[in-house]
Amino acid sequence: EIKYKDEIISSYKEEALTKFRRKYLGFIFQQYNL
Protein backbone atom coordinates (compact mmCIF):
# COMPACT_ATOMS: atom_id res chain seq x y z
CA GLU A 1 0.00 0.00 0.00
CA ILE A 2 1.12 3.53 -0.85
CA LYS A 3 -0.79 6.33 0.84
CA TYR A 4 -0.53 10.06 0.15
CA LYS A 5 -2.12 11.99 3.02
CA ASP A 6 -5.40 10.06 3.35
CA GLU A 7 -5.58 8.73 -0.20
CA ILE A 8 -4.45 5.21 -1.12
CA ILE A 9 -2.81 5.97 -4.46
CA SER A 10 -1.61 2.39 -5.00
CA SER A 11 -5.20 1.44 -5.84
CA TYR A 12 -5.63 4.24 -8.41
CA LYS A 13 -6.23 3.53 -12.09
CA GLU A 14 -4.11 5.30 -14.73
CA GLU A 15 -6.41 8.32 -15.15
CA ALA A 16 -6.50 8.98 -11.40
CA LEU A 17 -2.71 8.58 -11.18
CA THR A 18 -2.25 11.12 -13.97
CA LYS A 19 -4.42 13.64 -12.12
CA PHE A 20 -2.53 12.92 -8.89
CA ARG A 21 0.87 13.53 -10.52
CA ARG A 22 -0.35 16.70 -12.23
CA LYS A 23 -1.81 18.12 -9.03
CA TYR A 24 0.87 17.30 -6.46
CA LEU A 25 4.17 16.23 -8.01
CA GLY A 26 7.13 17.58 -9.96
CA PHE A 27 9.86 15.60 -11.72
CA ILE A 28 13.49 16.28 -12.59
CA PHE A 29 15.41 13.70 -14.61
CA GLN A 30 18.99 13.28 -15.79
CA GLN A 31 17.69 14.02 -19.30
CA TYR A 32 16.32 17.54 -19.42
CA ASN A 33 13.29 16.75 -21.67
CA LEU A 34 12.90 20.37 -22.76
All heavy atoms as atom14 arrays in JSON, in Angstrom:
{
  "sequence": "EIKYKDEIISSYKEEALTKFRRKYLGFIFQQYNL",
  "atom14_mask": [
    [1, 1, 1, 1, 1, 1, 1, 1, 1, 0, 0, 0, 0, 0],
    [1, 1, 1, 1, 1, 1, 1, 1, 0, 0, 0, 0, 0, 0],
    [1, 1, 1, 1, 1, 1, 1, 1, 1, 0, 0, 0, 0, 0],
    [1, 1, 1, 1, 1, 1, 1, 1, 1, 1, 1, 1, 0, 0],
    [1, 1, 1, 1, 1, 1, 1, 1, 1, 0, 0, 0, 0, 0],
    [1, 1, 1, 1, 1, 1, 1, 1, 0, 0, 0, 0, 0, 0],
    [1, 1, 1, 1, 1, 1, 1, 1, 1, 0, 0, 0, 0, 0],
    [1, 1, 1, 1, 1, 1, 1, 1, 0, 0, 0, 0, 0, 0],
    [1, 1, 1, 1, 1, 1, 1, 1, 0, 0, 0, 0, 0, 0],
    [1, 1, 1, 1, 1, 1, 0, 0, 0, 0, 0, 0, 0, 0],
    [1, 1, 1, 1, 1, 1, 0, 0, 0, 0, 0, 0, 0, 0],
    [1, 1, 1, 1, 1, 1, 1, 1, 1, 1, 1, 1, 0, 0],
    [1, 1, 1, 1, 1, 1, 1, 1, 1, 0, 0, 0, 0, 0],
    [1, 1, 1, 1, 1, 1, 1, 1, 1, 0, 0, 0, 0, 0],
    [1, 1, 1, 1, 1, 1, 1, 1, 1, 0, 0, 0, 0, 0],
    [1, 1, 1, 1, 1, 0, 0, 0, 0, 0, 0, 0, 0, 0],
    [1, 1, 1, 1, 1, 1, 1, 1, 0, 0, 0, 0, 0, 0],
    [1, 1, 1, 1, 1, 1, 1, 0, 0, 0, 0, 0, 0, 0],
    [1, 1, 1, 1, 1, 1, 1, 1, 1, 0, 0, 0, 0, 0],
    [1, 1, 1, 1, 1, 1, 1, 1, 1, 1, 1, 0, 0, 0],
    [1, 1, 1, 1, 1, 1, 1, 1, 1, 1, 1, 0, 0, 0],
    [1, 1, 1, 1, 1, 1, 1, 1, 1, 1, 1, 0, 0, 0],
    [1, 1, 1, 1, 1, 1, 1, 1, 1, 0, 0, 0, 0, 0],
    [1, 1, 1, 1, 1, 1, 1, 1, 1, 1, 1, 1, 0, 0],
    [1, 1, 1, 1, 1, 1, 1, 1, 0, 0, 0, 0, 0, 0],
    [1, 1, 1, 1, 0, 0, 0, 0, 0, 0, 0, 0, 0, 0],
    [1, 1, 1, 1, 1, 1, 1, 1, 1, 1, 1, 0, 0, 0],
    [1, 1, 1, 1, 1, 1, 1, 1, 0, 0, 0, 0, 0, 0],
    [1, 1, 1, 1, 1, 1, 1, 1, 1, 1, 1, 0, 0, 0],
    [1, 1, 1, 1, 1, 1, 1, 1, 1, 0, 0, 0, 0, 0],
    [1, 1, 1, 1, 1, 1, 1, 1, 1, 0, 0, 0, 0, 0],
    [1, 1, 1, 1, 1, 1, 1, 1, 1, 1, 1, 1, 0, 0],
    [1, 1, 1, 1, 1, 1, 1, 1, 0, 0, 0, 0, 0, 0],
    [1, 1, 1, 1, 1, 1, 1, 1, 0, 0, 0, 0, 0, 0]
  ],
  "atom14_positions": [
    [[0.83, -1.21, 0.0], [0.0, 0.0, 0.0], [0.86, 1.26, 0.0], [1.85, 1.35, 0.73], [-0.89, -0.01, 1.25], [-1.85, 1.17, 1.33], [-2.7, 1.11, 2.59], [-3.75, 0.44, 2.56], [-2.29, 1.71, 3.61], [0.0, 0.0, 0.0], [0.0, 0.0, 0.0], [0.0, 0.0, 0.0], [0.0, 0.0, 0.0], [0.0, 0.0, 0.0]],
    [[0.49, 2.21, -0.84], [1.12, 3.53, -0.85], [0.03, 4.56, -0.6], [-0.97, 4.62, -1.32], [1.82, 3.83, -2.19], [2.87, 2.76, -2.49], [2.47, 5.21, -2.15], [3.5, 2.87, -3.86], [0.0, 0.0, 0.0], [0.0, 0.0, 0.0], [0.0, 0.0, 0.0], [0.0, 0.0, 0.0], [0.0, 0.0, 0.0], [0.0, 0.0, 0.0]],
    [[0.23, 5.35, 0.44], [-0.79, 6.33, 0.84], [-0.19, 7.73, 0.77], [0.92, 7.97, 1.26], [-1.26, 6.02, 2.27], [-2.45, 6.85, 2.72], [-2.82, 6.56, 4.17], [-3.51, 5.23, 4.33], [-4.02, 5.04, 5.71], [0.0, 0.0, 0.0], [0.0, 0.0, 0.0], [0.0, 0.0, 0.0], [0.0, 0.0, 0.0], [0.0, 0.0, 0.0]],
    [[-0.91, 8.65, 0.15], [-0.53, 10.06, 0.15], [-1.59, 10.82, 0.94], [-2.76, 10.84, 0.55], [-0.43, 10.61, -1.27], [-0.08, 12.08, -1.31], [1.21, 12.5, -0.98], [-1.03, 13.05, -1.61], [1.53, 13.85, -0.98], [-0.71, 14.39, -1.61], [0.57, 14.79, -1.29], [0.9, 16.12, -1.27], [0.0, 0.0, 0.0], [0.0, 0.0, 0.0]],
    [[-1.18, 11.39, 2.08], [-2.12, 11.99, 3.02], [-3.15, 10.92, 3.38], [-2.8, 9.91, 3.95], [-2.72, 13.28, 2.44], [-1.63, 14.35, 2.25], [-2.16, 15.67, 1.75], [-1.06, 16.69, 1.65], [-1.48, 17.97, 1.07], [0.0, 0.0, 0.0], [0.0, 0.0, 0.0], [0.0, 0.0, 0.0], [0.0, 0.0, 0.0], [0.0, 0.0, 0.0]],
    [[-4.4, 11.07, 3.0], [-5.4, 10.06, 3.35], [-5.85, 9.24, 2.15], [-6.81, 8.48, 2.23], [-6.62, 10.72, 4.0], [-6.28, 11.33, 5.36], [-5.47, 10.71, 6.08], [-6.79, 12.41, 5.69], [0.0, 0.0, 0.0], [0.0, 0.0, 0.0], [0.0, 0.0, 0.0], [0.0, 0.0, 0.0], [0.0, 0.0, 0.0], [0.0, 0.0, 0.0]],
    [[-5.17, 9.42, 1.02], [-5.58, 8.73, -0.2], [-4.66, 7.55, -0.48], [-3.44, 7.68, -0.44], [-5.55, 9.7, -1.39], [-6.47, 10.9, -1.23], [-6.4, 11.84, -2.42], [-6.47, 11.35, -3.56], [-6.23, 13.05, -2.21], [0.0, 0.0, 0.0], [0.0, 0.0, 0.0], [0.0, 0.0, 0.0], [0.0, 0.0, 0.0], [0.0, 0.0, 0.0]],
    [[-5.25, 6.39, -0.78], [-4.45, 5.21, -1.12], [-4.21, 5.22, -2.63], [-5.05, 4.78, -3.42], [-5.17, 3.91, -0.67], [-5.36, 3.92, 0.84], [-4.34, 2.68, -1.08], [-6.18, 2.77, 1.37], [0.0, 0.0, 0.0], [0.0, 0.0, 0.0], [0.0, 0.0, 0.0], [0.0, 0.0, 0.0], [0.0, 0.0, 0.0], [0.0, 0.0, 0.0]],
    [[-3.07, 5.77, -3.03], [-2.81, 5.97, -4.46], [-2.42, 4.67, -5.16], [-2.49, 4.57, -6.38], [-1.74, 7.06, -4.69], [-0.38, 6.65, -4.11], [-2.19, 8.4, -4.15], [0.76, 7.55, -4.53], [0.0, 0.0, 0.0], [0.0, 0.0, 0.0], [0.0, 0.0, 0.0], [0.0, 0.0, 0.0], [0.0, 0.0, 0.0], [0.0, 0.0, 0.0]],
    [[-2.0, 3.66, -4.39], [-1.61, 2.39, -5.0], [-2.79, 1.65, -5.61], [-2.62, 0.72, -6.4], [-0.9, 1.49, -3.98], [-1.62, 1.43, -2.77], [0.0, 0.0, 0.0], [0.0, 0.0, 0.0], [0.0, 0.0, 0.0], [0.0, 0.0, 0.0], [0.0, 0.0, 0.0], [0.0, 0.0, 0.0], [0.0, 0.0, 0.0], [0.0, 0.0, 0.0]],
    [[-4.01, 2.07, -5.28], [-5.2, 1.44, -5.84], [-5.77, 2.25, -7.01], [-6.77, 1.86, -7.61], [-6.28, 1.27, -4.78], [-6.7, 2.54, -4.3], [0.0, 0.0, 0.0], [0.0, 0.0, 0.0], [0.0, 0.0, 0.0], [0.0, 0.0, 0.0], [0.0, 0.0, 0.0], [0.0, 0.0, 0.0], [0.0, 0.0, 0.0], [0.0, 0.0, 0.0]],
    [[-5.14, 3.38, -7.33], [-5.63, 4.24, -8.41], [-5.45, 3.58, -9.78], [-4.46, 2.9, -10.03], [-4.86, 5.56, -8.44], [-5.28, 6.59, -7.42], [-6.27, 6.34, -6.47], [-4.68, 7.85, -7.41], [-6.63, 7.3, -5.54], [-5.03, 8.82, -6.48], [-6.01, 8.53, -5.55], [-6.36, 9.48, -4.64], [0.0, 0.0, 0.0], [0.0, 0.0, 0.0]],
    [[-6.39, 3.87, -10.68], [-6.23, 3.53, -12.09], [-5.41, 4.63, -12.76], [-5.14, 5.68, -12.17], [-7.6, 3.4, -12.78], [-8.5, 2.35, -12.14], [-7.91, 0.95, -12.23], [-8.87, -0.09, -11.66], [-8.24, -1.41, -11.52], [0.0, 0.0, 0.0], [0.0, 0.0, 0.0], [0.0, 0.0, 0.0], [0.0, 0.0, 0.0], [0.0, 0.0, 0.0]],
    [[-5.04, 4.4, -14.03], [-4.11, 5.3, -14.73], [-4.61, 6.75, -14.78], [-3.84, 7.69, -14.55], [-3.84, 4.79, -16.15], [-2.78, 5.58, -16.9], [-1.47, 5.71, -16.15], [-0.98, 4.69, -15.59], [-0.92, 6.83, -16.09], [0.0, 0.0, 0.0], [0.0, 0.0, 0.0], [0.0, 0.0, 0.0], [0.0, 0.0, 0.0], [0.0, 0.0, 0.0]],
    [[-5.88, 6.95, -15.05], [-6.41, 8.32, -15.15], [-6.3, 9.05, -13.82], [-5.91, 10.23, -13.77], [-7.87, 8.27, -15.6], [-8.45, 9.66, -15.88], [-9.89, 9.62, -16.36], [-10.38, 8.52, -16.68], [-10.53, 10.69, -16.39], [0.0, 0.0, 0.0], [0.0, 0.0, 0.0], [0.0, 0.0, 0.0], [0.0, 0.0, 0.0], [0.0, 0.0, 0.0]],
    [[-6.6, 8.36, -12.73], [-6.5, 8.98, -11.4], [-5.04, 9.26, -11.04], [-4.74, 10.29, -10.42], [-7.13, 8.07, -10.35], [0.0, 0.0, 0.0], [0.0, 0.0, 0.0], [0.0, 0.0, 0.0], [0.0, 0.0, 0.0], [0.0, 0.0, 0.0], [0.0, 0.0, 0.0], [0.0, 0.0, 0.0], [0.0, 0.0, 0.0], [0.0, 0.0, 0.0]],
    [[-4.14, 8.36, -11.44], [-2.71, 8.58, -11.18], [-2.2, 9.8, -11.94], [-1.4, 10.58, -11.42], [-1.9, 7.34, -11.59], [-1.87, 6.18, -10.6], [-1.17, 4.98, -11.22], [-1.19, 6.58, -9.3], [0.0, 0.0, 0.0], [0.0, 0.0, 0.0], [0.0, 0.0, 0.0], [0.0, 0.0, 0.0], [0.0, 0.0, 0.0], [0.0, 0.0, 0.0]],
    [[-2.66, 9.96, -13.17], [-2.25, 11.12, -13.97], [-2.68, 12.42, -13.3], [-1.91, 13.38, -13.2], [-2.85, 11.03, -15.39], [-2.38, 9.83, -16.01], [-2.43, 12.22, -16.25], [0.0, 0.0, 0.0], [0.0, 0.0, 0.0], [0.0, 0.0, 0.0], [0.0, 0.0, 0.0], [0.0, 0.0, 0.0], [0.0, 0.0, 0.0], [0.0, 0.0, 0.0]],
    [[-3.91, 12.45, -12.81], [-4.42, 13.64, -12.12], [-3.63, 13.9, -10.83], [-3.32, 15.04, -10.5], [-5.9, 13.47, -11.79], [-6.8, 13.57, -13.0], [-8.27, 13.37, -12.63], [-9.17, 13.48, -13.84], [-10.58, 13.19, -13.51], [0.0, 0.0, 0.0], [0.0, 0.0, 0.0], [0.0, 0.0, 0.0], [0.0, 0.0, 0.0], [0.0, 0.0, 0.0]],
    [[-3.3, 12.81, -10.12], [-2.53, 12.92, -8.89], [-1.15, 13.53, -9.16], [-0.72, 14.46, -8.47], [-2.38, 11.53, -8.26], [-1.32, 11.42, -7.19], [-1.51, 12.0, -5.95], [-0.14, 10.74, -7.44], [-0.54, 11.9, -4.97], [0.83, 10.64, -6.47], [0.63, 11.22, -5.23], [0.0, 0.0, 0.0], [0.0, 0.0, 0.0], [0.0, 0.0, 0.0]],
    [[-0.46, 13.0, -10.19], [0.87, 13.53, -10.52], [0.8, 15.0, -10.93], [1.62, 15.82, -10.53], [1.5, 12.7, -11.67], [1.87, 11.29, -11.28], [2.74, 10.65, -12.35], [2.08, 10.57, -13.63], [1.4, 9.52, -14.07], [1.27, 8.46, -13.3], [0.85, 9.52, -15.28], [0.0, 0.0, 0.0], [0.0, 0.0, 0.0], [0.0, 0.0, 0.0]],
    [[-0.2, 15.32, -11.73], [-0.35, 16.7, -12.23], [-0.61, 17.67, -11.07], [-0.09, 18.78, -11.05], [-1.49, 16.76, -13.24], [-1.67, 18.13, -13.89], [-2.82, 18.1, -14.89], [-2.53, 17.19, -15.99], [-3.46, 16.54, -16.68], [-4.74, 16.69, -16.37], [-3.13, 15.76, -17.68], [0.0, 0.0, 0.0], [0.0, 0.0, 0.0], [0.0, 0.0, 0.0]],
    [[-1.39, 17.23, -10.12], [-1.81, 18.12, -9.03], [-0.74, 18.32, -7.97], [-0.55, 19.43, -7.46], [-3.07, 17.53, -8.38], [-3.73, 18.44, -7.35], [-5.04, 17.84, -6.87], [-5.74, 18.75, -5.86], [-7.0, 18.17, -5.36], [0.0, 0.0, 0.0], [0.0, 0.0, 0.0], [0.0, 0.0, 0.0], [0.0, 0.0, 0.0], [0.0, 0.0, 0.0]],
    [[0.0, 17.25, -7.64], [0.87, 17.3, -6.46], [2.37, 17.2, -6.72], [3.16, 17.6, -5.87], [0.49, 16.16, -5.5], [-0.9, 16.26, -4.93], [-1.87, 15.32, -5.26], [-1.25, 17.29, -4.05], [-3.15, 15.4, -4.74], [-2.52, 17.37, -3.51], [-3.48, 16.43, -3.87], [-4.74, 16.51, -3.34], [0.0, 0.0, 0.0], [0.0, 0.0, 0.0]],
    [[2.78, 16.63, -7.85], [4.17, 16.23, -8.01], [4.91, 16.99, -9.1], [4.31, 17.46, -10.07], [4.26, 14.73, -8.33], [3.47, 13.76, -7.43], [3.72, 12.34, -7.87], [3.81, 13.97, -5.97], [0.0, 0.0, 0.0], [0.0, 0.0, 0.0], [0.0, 0.0, 0.0], [0.0, 0.0, 0.0], [0.0, 0.0, 0.0], [0.0, 0.0, 0.0]],
    [[6.24, 17.08, -8.92], [7.13, 17.58, -9.96], [8.25, 16.56, -10.17], [8.58, 15.79, -9.27], [0.0, 0.0, 0.0], [0.0, 0.0, 0.0], [0.0, 0.0, 0.0], [0.0, 0.0, 0.0], [0.0, 0.0, 0.0], [0.0, 0.0, 0.0], [0.0, 0.0, 0.0], [0.0, 0.0, 0.0], [0.0, 0.0, 0.0], [0.0, 0.0, 0.0]],
    [[8.82, 16.57, -11.38], [9.86, 15.6, -11.72], [11.06, 16.28, -12.37], [10.9, 17.16, -13.21], [9.32, 14.55, -12.7], [8.23, 13.68, -12.13], [6.9, 14.06, -12.21], [8.54, 12.49, -11.49], [5.89, 13.27, -11.68], [7.55, 11.69, -10.95], [6.22, 12.08, -11.05], [0.0, 0.0, 0.0], [0.0, 0.0, 0.0], [0.0, 0.0, 0.0]],
    [[12.25, 15.84, -11.95], [13.49, 16.28, -12.59], [14.29, 15.02, -12.91], [14.54, 14.19, -12.03], [14.32, 17.21, -11.68], [13.53, 18.48, -11.37], [15.64, 17.57, -12.32], [14.08, 19.28, -10.22], [0.0, 0.0, 0.0], [0.0, 0.0, 0.0], [0.0, 0.0, 0.0], [0.0, 0.0, 0.0], [0.0, 0.0, 0.0], [0.0, 0.0, 0.0]],
    [[14.68, 14.89, -14.18], [15.41, 13.7, -14.61], [16.81, 14.08, -15.07], [17.14, 15.24, -15.24], [14.65, 13.0, -15.75], [13.28, 12.53, -15.37], [12.15, 13.25, -15.76], [13.1, 11.38, -14.62], [10.88, 12.82, -15.41], [11.83, 10.95, -14.26], [10.72, 11.67, -14.66], [0.0, 0.0, 0.0], [0.0, 0.0, 0.0], [0.0, 0.0, 0.0]],
    [[17.63, 13.05, -15.28], [18.99, 13.28, -15.79], [18.92, 13.88, -17.2], [19.72, 14.73, -17.57], [19.76, 11.95, -15.81], [21.25, 12.12, -16.07], [21.99, 10.81, -15.85], [21.56, 9.95, -15.1], [23.12, 10.66, -16.52], [0.0, 0.0, 0.0], [0.0, 0.0, 0.0], [0.0, 0.0, 0.0], [0.0, 0.0, 0.0], [0.0, 0.0, 0.0]],
    [[17.94, 13.41, -18.0], [17.69, 14.02, -19.3], [16.76, 15.2, -19.06], [15.8, 15.11, -18.29], [17.01, 13.02, -20.26], [17.87, 11.83, -20.66], [17.95, 10.77, -19.57], [17.03, 10.65, -18.77], [19.04, 10.03, -19.53], [0.0, 0.0, 0.0], [0.0, 0.0, 0.0], [0.0, 0.0, 0.0], [0.0, 0.0, 0.0], [0.0, 0.0, 0.0]],
    [[17.01, 16.29, -19.76], [16.32, 17.54, -19.42], [14.89, 17.58, -19.98], [14.03, 18.26, -19.45], [17.12, 18.74, -19.93], [18.59, 18.63, -19.6], [19.56, 18.69, -20.6], [19.01, 18.4, -18.29], [20.91, 18.56, -20.3], [20.36, 18.26, -17.98], [21.3, 18.34, -19.0], [22.63, 18.2, -18.7], [0.0, 0.0, 0.0], [0.0, 0.0, 0.0]],
    [[14.64, 16.86, -21.1], [13.29, 16.75, -21.67], [12.64, 18.11, -21.93], [11.45, 18.3, -21.7], [12.38, 15.93, -20.74], [12.87, 14.51, -20.55], [13.38, 13.9, -21.48], [12.74, 13.98, -19.35], [0.0, 0.0, 0.0], [0.0, 0.0, 0.0], [0.0, 0.0, 0.0], [0.0, 0.0, 0.0], [0.0, 0.0, 0.0], [0.0, 0.0, 0.0]],
    [[13.44, 19.05, -22.43], [12.9, 20.37, -22.76], [12.33, 20.36, -24.17], [12.74, 19.55, -25.02], [13.99, 21.44, -22.65], [14.66, 21.57, -21.27], [15.78, 22.59, -21.33], [13.64, 21.94, -20.2], [0.0, 0.0, 0.0], [0.0, 0.0, 0.0], [0.0, 0.0, 0.0], [0.0, 0.0, 0.0], [0.0, 0.0, 0.0], [0.0, 0.0, 0.0]]
  ]
}
